[in-house]
Amino acid sequence: MTAKQAYNLEINQLNVAAAATAPTLSSVERSLQRHKVQHRPPLPATRQDLDLPPESKLTTDGRQLLLIDDGAADRIMVFGTENQLRRCA
């Protein structure tokens, strides 16, 4: 279900007066985007400062995404899945 479909489903359940005062979908989306931007963590200054949380090292279906992280001073990180890596070989 898309956001627009979910919004319309909820709006249709309101009475006319409540629906008339409800925020538009675009204003809700803008508010959510503004919230995300305001609460985004700061960017690391160097590669050594980059510390990925465990959920950022996995794909949405739970496969390993961070394939290589040597942790050296000139840090090299390789992102992808094993299937994608096999395709490159």
Protein backbone atom coordinates (compact mmCIF):
# COMPACT_ATOMS: atom_id res chain seq x y z
CA MET A 1 0.00 0.00 0.00
CA THR A 2 1.37 3.39 -0.95
CA ALA A 3 1.44 6.37 1.39
CA LYS A 4 -1.22 8.06 -0.73
CA GLN A 5 -3.52 5.04 -0.51
CA ALA A 6 -3.04 4.79 3.27
CA TYR A 7 -3.69 8.52 3.69
CA ASN A 8 -6.86 8.37 1.58
CA LEU A 9 -8.08 5.35 3.51
CA GLU A 10 -7.68 7.22 6.81
CA ILE A 11 -9.18 10.48 5.50
CA ASN A 12 -12.23 8.63 4.18
CA GLN A 13 -12.95 7.33 7.69
CA LEU A 14 -13.18 10.86 9.13
CA ASN A 15 -16.31 12.96 9.21
CA VAL A 16 -16.44 15.94 6.84
CA ALA A 17 -15.46 18.54 9.47
CA ALA A 18 -12.44 16.53 10.65
CA ALA A 19 -11.36 15.73 7.08
CA ALA A 20 -11.53 19.42 6.18
CA THR A 21 -9.10 20.34 8.96
CA ALA A 22 -6.74 17.38 8.43
CA PRO A 23 -3.28 18.17 7.03
CA THR A 24 -2.60 17.33 3.40
CA LEU A 25 -0.44 14.35 2.53
CA SER A 26 2.26 16.60 1.12
CA SER A 27 2.44 18.63 4.35
CA VAL A 28 2.73 15.43 6.39
CA GLU A 29 5.52 14.18 4.09
CA ARG A 30 7.36 17.52 4.37
CA SER A 31 7.09 17.38 8.18
CA LEU A 32 8.49 13.85 8.24
CA GLN A 33 11.38 14.83 5.95
CA ARG A 34 12.14 17.88 8.11
CA HIS A 35 12.16 15.66 11.22
CA LYS A 36 14.55 13.18 9.56
CA VAL A 37 16.94 15.95 8.53
CA GLN A 38 16.92 17.56 12.00
CA HIS A 39 17.63 14.24 13.73
CA ARG A 40 20.23 12.90 11.29
CA PRO A 41 23.56 12.11 12.99
CA PRO A 42 26.51 14.32 12.00
CA LEU A 43 28.73 13.16 9.17
CA PRO A 44 32.10 11.74 10.26
CA ALA A 45 35.11 14.01 9.64
CA THR A 46 37.39 11.12 8.64
CA ARG A 47 37.01 7.50 7.58
CA GLN A 48 38.30 6.42 11.00
CA ASP A 49 35.39 8.29 12.63
CA LEU A 50 32.86 6.26 10.67
CA ASP A 51 31.16 3.80 12.99
CA LEU A 52 28.29 1.91 11.39
CA PRO A 53 25.56 0.53 13.60
CA PRO A 54 24.92 -3.21 13.12
CA GLU A 55 21.66 -2.61 11.22
CA SER A 56 23.56 -0.56 8.61
CA LYS A 57 25.81 -3.51 7.85
CA LEU A 58 22.92 -5.70 6.66
CA THR A 59 20.48 -5.61 3.76
CA THR A 60 16.76 -5.30 4.47
CA ASP A 61 16.44 -9.08 4.16
CA GLY A 62 19.28 -9.69 6.67
CA ARG A 63 22.17 -10.51 4.34
CA GLN A 64 25.65 -9.13 5.02
CA LEU A 65 26.15 -5.77 3.22
CA LEU A 66 29.54 -4.68 4.57
CA LEU A 67 31.86 -7.23 2.96
CA ILE A 68 35.25 -5.76 3.89
CA ASP A 69 36.37 -3.25 6.53
CA ASP A 70 40.11 -3.35 7.07
CA GLY A 71 40.01 -0.70 9.83
CA ALA A 72 43.43 0.64 8.80
CA ALA A 73 44.40 4.33 8.80
CA ASP A 74 43.51 4.60 5.11
CA ARG A 75 40.40 2.54 5.71
CA ILE A 76 38.86 0.62 2.83
CA MET A 77 35.26 -0.51 3.06
CA VAL A 78 33.50 -2.66 0.49
CA PHE A 79 29.71 -2.76 0.39
CA GLY A 80 27.64 -5.26 -1.55
CA THR A 81 26.24 -8.75 -1.24
CA GLU A 82 28.07 -11.99 -1.90
CA ASN A 83 25.84 -12.56 -4.94
CA GLN A 84 26.82 -9.17 -6.37
CA LEU A 85 30.48 -9.92 -5.69
CA ARG A 86 30.22 -13.25 -7.54
CA ARG A 87 28.71 -11.47 -10.57
CA CYS A 88 31.78 -9.22 -10.76
CA ALA A 89 34.20 -12.16 -10.76
